[in-house]
Amino acid sequence: MVYVVALSAKELDRIDEELLVKQSFTKTVATASLPADRTPRIALLVTRSSSEDERCPLRWLGVVRQPRGDKVAAVDSRITVELVRESPVPVLMRPLLGEMPLHLRPTLMGALAGEVTVLGDEGSESLLQSLARQDDVLRRMLEFLGEAAEPDPFDPRRAEDRAWQEQYDMTRLGLAIANIPPARLAAWRRPSDPHAPHLAGLIPEPFEQGMIENDARHLDFDTDVFTEAGWSSGDGAAGASFRCDIHVFEHLGSRIEVANINATPVEARLGADLIYYHEATQSFILVQAKRLPSEAGARWMYADRQLLGQLDRLDRVAAMSRAPWAPHEWRLGSDPCFVKLAYWPLKETVDPGPAPGMYLPVPYMRLLLGDAATNGPNEGTRIGYGYVERYLGNTEFAQLVKNGLVGTVGTTLDDLRLLGRERAEEGMSVSLVVDRATAPTREVVKERHKRNHTRGYDKTLAKKVRRNQSRNAGPGQQSLFGS
């Protein structure tokens, strides 16, 4: 099934940078015009036709995973198009009319002249087939979006699904810190191996870089050298059970390399870690996720010996940091390790951001566990909602990391590699994220601060992308969206 969203050329130009930045688009429509079923659909953003002479370029593609949208008024709903991608090849929609059956042409003509039209099954299938015949890259893009529209859901009754869900959340957090839309992880199929990392099921986007990553993802941690990330595992310290899957993500000047590492059977996993390393400043933070019950009113956990032992190990991780020697190395605190008490709503949503939860620095958590506020019945100690008054949420925590205000000082990639291995051997599902930068440290820190504190800075980056695209297009090349 297909949504056709037709906007004027002027409006598409106005929101161009915003679509590049957010890779999502929202539109308010009449609820009565939306489909009755809730099957996710591919969406096409095209230039609206005001006369038969206009050829209506296809500008963007995406998916609507909530076809009924969210109610915003008595008669209106808001739909969201996610995973918005530019059309990889020039496509003019009006000439496609000649490829469709006669009885379907009036419907498509009406869609090109309207605002939001939901095509029926037959019209959708015919249009998608016509688009797929235009170019092989476009065909693969449509196949990718079809997969992304309906990713495999997690089943919390299965141990492997709980482990994948937690590792997925840590990876999403890493992407959010790096200013990369977490929806990039949306296209996912459950791996056949229950012990495999979450990234083993990620469906790569249909471009050359993504396909190279796919070929390189399924690697053995003990024998392969990860040259792009600077990690070597050739010293034989790791066991043959290590499994490491790697993927590269880039967006508006940001580049991160993500490794999901597992070293124990899924039944022996103790939780999930995020280790986020900013290479230019030699700094990392470690977040250990702990799952809370999903039921409202019971979102807490007992502080047992296992939890206390894990806090002790995090103290040893914090000892890897040294004192700051330069202004850019100053941190708000000396501890780079946090515990995230997270929960997943019983009703699965399509929110691409990290799961709800509270972030607690390890020293603060120890204070809480020693305070009367966390006393439960029968001399038990509880930690979670209802027992902790102050904590960091997703947005606050991500901002601290983005600004370099928390994390280690003076830790190397070798330190990172060894730590990732140790955490995996201890039974954690590890998401290792390396934030790369080629500029000098001072320039990286300056640019990071500017990006986080200058309003509209990402749109400025998007404009640079557009200028570079125009500059790289030769004089004989036709504009992608020319009329």
Protein backbone atom coordinates (compact mmCIF):
# COMPACT_ATOMS: atom_id res chain seq x y z
CA MET A 1 0.00 0.00 0.00
CA VAL A 2 1.19 3.52 -0.84
CA TYR A 3 0.70 7.03 0.46
CA VAL A 4 1.15 9.76 -2.16
CA VAL A 5 1.92 13.12 -0.53
CA ALA A 6 1.84 15.90 -3.13
CA LEU A 7 3.35 19.26 -2.13
CA SER A 8 4.09 22.38 -4.15
CA ALA A 9 7.63 22.82 -5.44
CA LYS A 10 7.94 25.90 -3.23
CA GLU A 11 6.96 23.96 -0.09
CA LEU A 12 9.30 21.07 -0.94
CA ASP A 13 12.16 23.54 -1.37
CA ARG A 14 11.27 25.19 1.96
CA ILE A 15 11.47 21.94 3.93
CA ASP A 16 14.43 20.50 2.00
CA GLU A 17 17.08 21.07 4.69
CA GLU A 18 14.70 19.94 7.43
CA LEU A 19 14.10 16.63 5.66
CA LEU A 20 17.85 16.12 5.26
CA VAL A 21 18.39 16.74 8.98
CA LYS A 22 15.47 14.90 10.55
CA GLN A 23 14.81 12.27 7.88
CA SER A 24 11.14 12.42 8.90
CA PHE A 25 8.09 14.44 7.88
CA THR A 26 4.73 15.07 9.53
CA LYS A 27 1.47 16.08 7.85
CA THR A 28 -1.98 16.82 9.26
CA VAL A 29 -4.78 15.24 7.23
CA ALA A 30 -8.47 14.54 7.56
CA THR A 31 -8.98 11.38 9.59
CA ALA A 32 -11.73 10.25 7.22
CA SER A 33 -9.19 10.04 4.36
CA LEU A 34 -6.94 7.59 6.21
CA PRO A 35 -7.12 3.81 5.65
CA ALA A 36 -9.16 1.64 7.97
CA ASP A 37 -6.42 -0.96 8.42
CA ARG A 38 -3.14 -0.36 10.24
CA THR A 39 -0.76 -1.96 7.73
CA PRO A 40 2.43 0.15 7.36
CA ARG A 41 2.84 1.77 3.96
CA ILE A 42 5.48 3.21 1.68
CA ALA A 43 5.13 6.98 1.20
CA LEU A 44 6.08 9.01 -1.88
CA LEU A 45 6.63 12.78 -1.62
CA VAL A 46 6.08 14.29 -5.07
CA THR A 47 5.76 17.74 -6.59
CA ARG A 48 2.07 18.58 -6.90
CA SER A 49 0.63 18.94 -10.40
CA SER A 50 -1.28 22.09 -11.23
CA SER A 51 -1.49 21.43 -14.99
CA GLU A 52 -1.03 18.57 -17.43
CA ASP A 53 2.27 20.10 -18.58
CA GLU A 54 3.95 19.49 -15.21
CA ARG A 55 5.72 16.16 -14.87
CA CYS A 56 5.66 15.90 -11.05
CA PRO A 57 9.16 14.76 -9.97
CA LEU A 58 9.41 12.17 -7.21
CA ARG A 59 11.46 13.95 -4.53
CA TRP A 60 11.50 11.75 -1.43
CA LEU A 61 10.49 8.27 -0.27
CA GLY A 62 9.76 6.95 3.22
CA VAL A 63 7.47 4.75 5.29
CA VAL A 64 4.34 5.44 7.35
CA ARG A 65 4.40 2.88 10.14
CA GLN A 66 1.27 4.27 11.84
CA PRO A 67 -1.19 4.64 8.95
CA ARG A 68 -3.98 5.90 11.21
CA GLY A 69 -1.73 8.62 12.64
CA ASP A 70 -2.36 10.45 15.91
CA LYS A 71 -5.55 12.39 16.55
CA VAL A 72 -4.91 16.15 16.78
CA ALA A 73 -8.47 17.48 16.45
CA ALA A 74 -12.02 16.28 16.15
CA VAL A 75 -11.66 15.48 12.45
CA ASP A 76 -7.89 15.57 11.84
CA SER A 77 -4.93 13.28 12.43
CA ARG A 78 -1.19 13.70 12.06
CA ILE A 79 0.75 11.13 10.07
CA THR A 80 4.53 10.74 10.23
CA VAL A 81 6.69 9.65 7.32
CA GLU A 82 9.85 8.05 8.70
CA LEU A 83 13.13 6.98 7.10
CA VAL A 84 12.74 9.76 4.57
CA ARG A 85 15.25 9.30 1.74
CA GLU A 86 15.83 11.26 -1.45
CA SER A 87 14.91 9.50 -4.64
CA PRO A 88 18.23 7.96 -5.77
CA VAL A 89 17.43 8.56 -9.46
CA PRO A 90 15.36 11.12 -11.39
CA VAL A 91 11.75 9.93 -11.68
CA LEU A 92 8.90 11.89 -13.25
CA MET A 93 5.54 10.68 -11.99
CA ARG A 94 3.19 11.91 -14.74
CA PRO A 95 4.88 9.87 -17.53
CA LEU A 96 4.34 6.78 -15.36
CA LEU A 97 0.62 7.09 -16.06
CA GLY A 98 1.21 5.47 -19.43
CA GLU A 99 2.59 2.33 -17.73
CA MET A 100 -0.45 1.81 -15.52
CA PRO A 101 -3.75 0.14 -16.46
CA LEU A 102 -6.31 2.53 -17.91
CA HIS A 103 -8.77 2.18 -15.04
CA LEU A 104 -6.06 3.15 -12.48
CA ARG A 105 -4.78 6.26 -14.22
CA PRO A 106 -7.48 8.67 -12.94
CA THR A 107 -6.66 7.68 -9.34
CA LEU A 108 -2.96 8.49 -9.76
CA MET A 109 -3.76 11.72 -11.62
CA GLY A 110 -5.95 12.76 -8.71
CA ALA A 111 -3.21 11.88 -6.23
CA LEU A 112 -0.68 14.07 -8.07
CA ALA A 113 -3.07 17.00 -7.94
CA GLY A 114 -4.22 16.49 -4.34
CA GLU A 115 -2.40 16.58 -1.00
CA VAL A 116 -2.48 13.17 0.68
CA THR A 117 -3.92 10.16 -1.13
CA VAL A 118 -3.92 6.54 0.03
CA LEU A 119 -3.90 4.24 -2.98
CA GLY A 120 -5.73 0.93 -2.86
CA ASP A 121 -4.03 -2.45 -3.13
CA GLU A 122 -4.21 -2.71 -6.90
CA GLY A 123 -3.12 0.87 -7.54
CA SER A 124 -0.29 0.61 -5.02
CA GLU A 125 1.06 -2.60 -6.51
CA SER A 126 0.90 -1.24 -10.06
CA LEU A 127 2.65 2.00 -9.11
CA LEU A 128 5.42 0.27 -7.14
CA GLN A 129 6.06 -2.12 -10.03
CA SER A 130 6.32 0.80 -12.44
CA LEU A 131 8.76 2.60 -10.15
CA ALA A 132 10.87 -0.54 -9.67
CA ARG A 133 11.28 -0.83 -13.45
CA GLN A 134 12.81 2.65 -13.66
CA ASP A 135 16.16 1.75 -12.07
CA ASP A 136 17.70 -1.11 -10.09
CA VAL A 137 18.83 1.21 -7.26
CA LEU A 138 15.28 2.55 -6.92
CA ARG A 139 13.96 -1.01 -6.91
CA ARG A 140 16.31 -1.90 -4.05
CA MET A 141 15.34 1.27 -2.20
CA LEU A 142 11.66 0.30 -2.41
CA GLU A 143 12.48 -3.22 -1.19
CA PHE A 144 14.43 -1.75 1.74
CA LEU A 145 11.56 0.57 2.71
CA GLY A 146 9.14 -2.34 2.47
CA GLU A 147 11.30 -4.26 4.96
CA ALA A 148 11.70 -1.21 7.20
CA ALA A 149 7.96 -0.59 7.28
CA GLU A 150 7.38 -3.79 9.26
CA PRO A 151 10.45 -4.75 11.32
CA ASP A 152 10.24 -7.90 13.41
CA PRO A 153 8.77 -7.08 16.84
CA PHE A 154 10.54 -8.07 20.03
CA ASP A 155 8.88 -10.77 22.10
CA PRO A 156 9.81 -10.12 25.77
CA ARG A 157 8.90 -13.73 26.63
CA ARG A 158 12.02 -14.90 24.78
CA ALA A 159 15.45 -14.47 26.35
CA GLU A 160 17.13 -13.65 23.02
CA ASP A 161 14.53 -10.99 22.21
CA ARG A 162 15.08 -9.31 25.57
CA ALA A 163 18.83 -9.30 24.93
CA TRP A 164 18.37 -7.87 21.40
CA GLN A 165 15.97 -5.23 22.70
CA GLU A 166 18.47 -4.07 25.33
CA GLN A 167 21.41 -4.04 22.90
CA TYR A 168 19.24 -2.22 20.37
CA ASP A 169 18.45 0.42 22.97
CA MET A 170 22.12 0.98 23.78
CA THR A 171 22.92 1.34 20.07
CA ARG A 172 20.00 3.77 19.62
CA LEU A 173 21.40 5.85 22.47
CA GLY A 174 24.78 5.94 20.73
CA LEU A 175 23.21 7.20 17.50
CA ALA A 176 21.22 9.85 19.39
CA ILE A 177 24.42 11.16 21.03
CA ALA A 178 26.11 11.34 17.61
CA ASN A 179 23.22 13.35 16.08
CA ILE A 180 22.33 10.47 13.77
CA PRO A 181 18.59 9.65 13.50
CA PRO A 182 18.09 6.43 15.52
CA ALA A 183 15.45 5.34 12.98
CA ARG A 184 18.42 4.22 10.87
CA LEU A 185 18.15 0.99 12.88
CA ALA A 186 14.51 0.44 11.92
CA ALA A 187 14.95 -2.20 9.20
CA TRP A 188 15.60 -5.34 11.22
CA ARG A 189 14.90 -9.06 11.00
CA ARG A 190 15.37 -11.51 13.86
CA PRO A 191 18.74 -13.34 13.37
CA SER A 192 18.57 -17.10 12.98
CA ASP A 193 21.24 -17.48 15.68
CA PRO A 194 19.71 -16.53 19.07
CA HIS A 195 23.18 -15.74 20.47
CA ALA A 196 24.02 -13.26 17.68
CA PRO A 197 24.23 -9.50 18.34
CA HIS A 198 21.38 -7.20 17.43
CA LEU A 199 23.24 -5.71 14.45
CA ALA A 200 23.37 -9.17 12.87
CA GLY A 201 19.73 -8.62 11.88
CA LEU A 202 20.09 -5.08 10.54
CA ILE A 203 19.08 -4.72 6.89
CA PRO A 204 21.54 -2.31 5.21
CA GLU A 205 20.36 0.50 2.99
CA PRO A 206 20.73 -0.20 -0.75
CA PHE A 207 23.74 1.95 -1.53
CA GLU A 208 27.32 0.95 -2.10
CA GLN A 209 28.62 1.92 1.35
CA GLY A 210 25.82 0.05 3.10
CA MET A 211 26.45 -3.05 1.02
CA ILE A 212 30.18 -2.99 1.85
CA GLU A 213 29.28 -2.79 5.52
CA ASN A 214 26.95 -5.75 5.15
CA ASP A 215 29.73 -7.86 3.68
CA ALA A 216 32.02 -6.98 6.59
CA ARG A 217 29.60 -7.30 9.48
CA HIS A 218 29.77 -11.00 10.33
CA LEU A 219 33.28 -11.25 11.73
CA ASP A 220 34.99 -13.31 14.40
CA PHE A 221 36.39 -11.13 17.17
CA ASP A 222 39.34 -13.42 17.81
CA THR A 223 40.85 -13.62 14.34
CA ASP A 224 39.88 -10.51 12.38
CA VAL A 225 41.39 -7.05 12.50
CA PHE A 226 38.94 -4.16 12.42
CA THR A 227 41.11 -1.69 10.55
CA GLU A 228 38.45 1.01 10.15
CA ALA A 229 37.85 1.31 13.87
CA GLY A 230 41.49 0.71 14.78
CA TRP A 231 40.70 -2.43 16.78
CA SER A 232 42.88 -5.49 16.59
CA SER A 233 42.02 -8.81 18.19
CA GLY A 234 45.01 -10.70 16.92
CA ASP A 235 46.62 -11.33 20.31
CA GLY A 236 44.54 -14.46 20.89
CA ALA A 237 43.18 -13.32 24.26
CA ALA A 238 39.56 -13.67 23.25
CA GLY A 239 37.80 -16.98 22.98
CA ALA A 240 36.28 -18.40 19.82
CA SER A 241 32.79 -17.66 21.15
CA PHE A 242 33.21 -13.94 20.51
CA ARG A 243 30.82 -12.54 17.92
CA CYS A 244 31.23 -8.97 16.69
CA ASP A 245 29.04 -7.26 14.07
CA ILE A 246 30.06 -3.86 12.75
CA HIS A 247 28.17 -1.10 10.94
CA VAL A 248 29.13 2.44 9.90
CA PHE A 249 26.68 5.35 10.13
CA GLU A 250 27.17 8.80 8.61
CA HIS A 251 24.90 11.84 8.71
CA LEU A 252 25.65 15.53 8.01
CA GLY A 253 29.32 15.34 8.89
CA SER A 254 28.96 12.87 11.76
CA ARG A 255 30.52 9.43 11.41
CA ILE A 256 30.38 6.64 13.95
CA GLU A 257 31.44 3.01 13.81
CA VAL A 258 29.29 0.69 15.90
CA ALA A 259 30.26 -2.81 17.03
CA ASN A 260 27.83 -5.15 18.79
CA ILE A 261 29.84 -7.70 20.76
CA ASN A 262 28.59 -10.87 22.46
CA ALA A 263 30.80 -13.48 24.13
CA THR A 264 28.37 -15.57 26.17
CA PRO A 265 25.21 -17.58 25.44
CA VAL A 266 22.08 -15.49 25.64
CA GLU A 267 20.92 -17.28 28.80
CA ALA A 268 24.06 -16.11 30.64
CA ARG A 269 23.78 -12.41 29.74
CA LEU A 270 23.69 -9.95 32.64
CA GLY A 271 22.50 -6.91 30.69
CA ALA A 272 23.64 -4.52 27.98
CA ASP A 273 26.38 -1.89 27.86
CA LEU A 274 26.96 1.19 25.74
CA ILE A 275 30.58 2.32 25.55
CA TYR A 276 30.64 5.59 23.61
CA TYR A 277 34.15 6.74 22.67
CA HIS A 278 34.97 10.19 21.29
CA GLU A 279 38.23 9.57 19.51
CA ALA A 280 39.47 13.15 19.17
CA THR A 281 39.29 13.83 22.91
CA GLN A 282 40.18 10.26 24.01
CA SER A 283 37.11 10.07 26.21
CA PHE A 284 34.38 7.47 26.75
CA ILE A 285 31.28 6.96 28.85
CA LEU A 286 29.89 3.57 29.85
CA VAL A 287 26.17 2.99 30.39
CA GLN A 288 24.95 -0.30 31.83
CA ALA A 289 21.27 -0.97 31.18
CA LYS A 290 19.13 -2.73 33.77
CA ARG A 291 15.60 -3.79 32.84
CA LEU A 292 12.70 -2.68 35.05
CA PRO A 293 9.22 -4.24 34.97
CA SER A 294 6.99 -2.67 32.31
CA GLU A 295 3.89 -2.48 34.50
CA ALA A 296 3.16 1.04 35.77
CA GLY A 297 3.57 1.25 39.54
CA ALA A 298 6.15 -1.55 39.67
CA ARG A 299 9.08 0.07 37.86
CA TRP A 300 11.78 -0.70 40.38
CA MET A 301 14.25 -3.50 41.12
CA TYR A 302 15.90 -4.96 44.20
CA ALA A 303 19.52 -4.04 44.84
CA ASP A 304 20.90 -7.56 45.19
CA ARG A 305 24.48 -8.86 45.43
CA GLN A 306 24.75 -9.15 41.66
CA LEU A 307 23.94 -5.45 41.21
CA LEU A 308 26.43 -4.44 43.92
CA GLY A 309 29.11 -6.59 42.28
CA GLN A 310 28.44 -4.88 38.94
CA LEU A 311 28.85 -1.48 40.59
CA ASP A 312 32.24 -2.61 41.91
CA ARG A 313 33.32 -3.54 38.39
CA LEU A 314 32.18 -0.15 37.11
CA ASP A 315 34.36 1.48 39.78
CA ARG A 316 37.34 -0.32 38.24
CA VAL A 317 36.35 0.99 34.81
CA ALA A 318 36.29 4.54 36.18
CA ALA A 319 39.87 4.09 37.43
CA MET A 320 41.01 4.03 33.76
CA SER A 321 40.60 7.82 33.63
CA ARG A 322 43.33 10.30 34.58
CA ALA A 323 43.18 13.89 35.83
CA PRO A 324 42.57 16.61 33.19
CA TRP A 325 45.59 18.47 31.82
CA ALA A 326 43.82 20.86 29.42
CA PRO A 327 40.55 22.86 29.47
CA HIS A 328 38.83 20.57 26.98
CA GLU A 329 39.51 17.62 29.33
CA TRP A 330 37.58 19.09 32.26
CA ARG A 331 34.48 17.12 33.27
CA LEU A 332 31.58 17.79 35.66
CA GLY A 333 32.59 14.74 37.67
CA SER A 334 35.31 12.15 37.78
CA ASP A 335 33.09 9.13 37.13
CA PRO A 336 32.31 8.10 33.53
CA CYS A 337 30.01 5.17 34.38
CA PHE A 338 26.22 5.24 34.62
CA VAL A 339 23.44 2.77 35.23
CA LYS A 340 20.30 3.17 33.13
CA LEU A 341 17.19 1.75 34.74
CA ALA A 342 15.03 1.27 31.65
CA TYR A 343 11.59 -0.05 30.87
CA TRP A 344 9.77 -0.89 27.66
CA PRO A 345 6.04 -0.13 27.49
CA LEU A 346 3.86 -3.22 27.17
CA LYS A 347 2.32 -1.75 24.02
CA GLU A 348 5.13 -1.52 21.49
CA THR A 349 5.52 1.89 19.85
CA VAL A 350 7.49 3.08 16.83
CA ASP A 351 9.33 5.79 18.76
CA PRO A 352 12.85 5.70 17.28
CA GLY A 353 14.54 7.16 20.36
CA PRO A 354 16.03 5.33 23.35
CA ALA A 355 13.68 3.55 25.74
CA PRO A 356 12.39 5.52 28.75
CA GLY A 357 14.55 5.30 31.83
CA MET A 358 16.66 7.02 34.45
CA TYR A 359 20.44 7.49 34.26
CA LEU A 360 22.27 7.31 37.58
CA PRO A 361 26.02 7.96 38.00
CA VAL A 362 27.58 5.13 39.99
CA PRO A 363 28.63 7.25 43.04
CA TYR A 364 25.12 8.73 43.19
CA MET A 365 23.62 5.26 42.98
CA ARG A 366 25.71 4.14 45.96
CA LEU A 367 24.43 7.11 47.97
CA LEU A 368 20.87 6.18 47.04
CA LEU A 369 21.33 2.56 48.08
CA GLY A 370 22.58 3.71 51.47
CA ASP A 371 19.70 6.12 52.05
CA ALA A 372 16.45 5.40 53.88
CA ALA A 373 14.50 6.52 50.79
CA THR A 374 15.30 3.22 49.05
CA ASN A 375 14.35 0.99 51.99
CA GLY A 376 11.75 -1.60 51.06
CA PRO A 377 9.88 -4.18 53.15
CA ASN A 378 11.74 -6.98 54.96
CA GLU A 379 14.98 -4.97 55.00
CA GLY A 380 15.22 -5.05 51.20
CA THR A 381 16.62 -2.16 49.17
CA ARG A 382 14.77 -0.99 46.09
CA ILE A 383 15.94 1.29 43.29
CA GLY A 384 13.78 2.81 40.55
CA TYR A 385 10.72 4.98 40.09
CA GLY A 386 9.12 5.97 43.38
CA TYR A 387 12.46 5.59 45.18
CA VAL A 388 14.65 8.07 43.29
CA GLU A 389 13.65 11.73 43.24
CA ARG A 390 16.41 13.11 40.98
CA TYR A 391 17.84 11.51 37.87
CA LEU A 392 18.86 12.23 34.28
CA GLY A 393 16.51 11.44 31.41
CA ASN A 394 17.46 10.55 27.84
CA THR A 395 17.68 14.14 26.58
CA GLU A 396 19.63 15.49 29.56
CA PHE A 397 22.09 12.61 29.53
CA ALA A 398 22.70 12.78 25.78
CA GLN A 399 23.39 16.51 26.00
CA LEU A 400 26.03 16.01 28.69
CA VAL A 401 27.83 13.47 26.51
CA LYS A 402 27.47 15.57 23.35
CA ASN A 403 29.10 18.52 25.10
CA GLY A 404 31.95 16.44 26.52
CA LEU A 405 30.95 17.27 30.10
CA VAL A 406 31.07 13.65 31.27
CA GLY A 407 33.47 10.84 30.43
CA THR A 408 37.00 9.61 30.92
CA VAL A 409 40.17 11.59 30.28
CA GLY A 410 43.14 10.22 28.35
CA THR A 411 41.88 6.76 27.33
CA THR A 412 43.05 5.22 24.06
CA LEU A 413 41.48 3.00 21.43
CA ASP A 414 43.53 0.12 22.83
CA ASP A 415 41.95 0.78 26.24
CA LEU A 416 38.57 0.76 24.56
CA ARG A 417 39.19 -2.53 22.76
CA LEU A 418 40.32 -4.26 25.95
CA LEU A 419 37.38 -2.86 27.91
CA GLY A 420 34.89 -4.02 25.28
CA ARG A 421 36.35 -7.51 25.40
CA GLU A 422 36.34 -7.62 29.21
CA ARG A 423 32.74 -6.45 29.47
CA ALA A 424 31.64 -9.05 26.91
CA GLU A 425 33.51 -11.79 28.76
CA GLU A 426 31.77 -10.74 31.98
CA GLY A 427 28.43 -11.50 30.33
CA MET A 428 27.32 -8.15 28.92
CA SER A 429 25.93 -7.47 25.45
CA VAL A 430 28.20 -4.61 24.41
CA SER A 431 27.47 -1.80 21.96
CA LEU A 432 30.80 -0.12 21.21
CA VAL A 433 30.47 3.23 19.43
CA VAL A 434 33.50 5.10 18.09
CA ASP A 435 32.86 8.75 17.17
CA ARG A 436 35.46 9.61 14.52
CA ALA A 437 36.90 13.00 13.60
CA THR A 438 39.93 13.98 11.53
CA ALA A 439 40.27 17.62 12.66
CA PRO A 440 42.56 18.71 15.54
CA THR A 441 41.13 18.27 19.03
CA ARG A 442 40.51 21.97 19.66
CA GLU A 443 38.65 22.34 16.36
CA VAL A 444 36.55 19.23 17.08
CA VAL A 445 35.59 20.55 20.53
CA LYS A 446 34.75 23.97 19.07
CA GLU A 447 32.60 22.50 16.31
CA ARG A 448 30.84 20.14 18.72
CA HIS A 449 29.98 23.05 21.02
CA LYS A 450 28.75 25.13 18.06
CA ARG A 451 26.57 22.31 16.78
CA ASN A 452 24.98 21.77 20.19
CA HIS A 453 24.39 25.45 21.00
CA THR A 454 23.76 27.23 17.70
CA ARG A 455 20.15 27.28 16.64
CA GLY A 456 19.67 25.82 13.18
CA TYR A 457 23.27 24.61 12.92
CA ASP A 458 22.24 21.26 11.46
CA LYS A 459 20.28 23.07 8.76
CA THR A 460 23.44 25.02 7.97
CA LEU A 461 25.24 21.70 7.52
CA ALA A 462 22.42 20.51 5.26
CA LYS A 463 22.84 23.63 3.11
CA LYS A 464 26.54 22.82 2.78
CA VAL A 465 25.60 19.33 1.60
CA ARG A 466 23.35 20.84 -1.06
CA ARG A 467 26.07 23.27 -2.19
CA ASN A 468 28.60 20.44 -2.45
CA GLN A 469 26.13 18.38 -4.47
CA SER A 470 25.61 21.28 -6.87
CA ARG A 471 29.36 21.87 -7.13
CA ASN A 472 30.07 18.21 -7.85
CA ALA A 473 27.42 17.99 -10.56
CA GLY A 474 29.12 18.45 -13.91
CA PRO A 475 27.81 20.98 -16.48
CA GLY A 476 26.39 18.19 -18.58
CA GLN A 477 24.49 16.55 -15.74
CA GLN A 478 20.76 17.02 -15.52
CA SER A 479 19.34 18.22 -12.19
CA LEU A 480 17.75 15.38 -10.25
CA PHE A 481 14.54 17.35 -9.75
CA GLY A 482 14.46 19.35 -12.94
CA SER A 483 11.10 19.84 -14.60
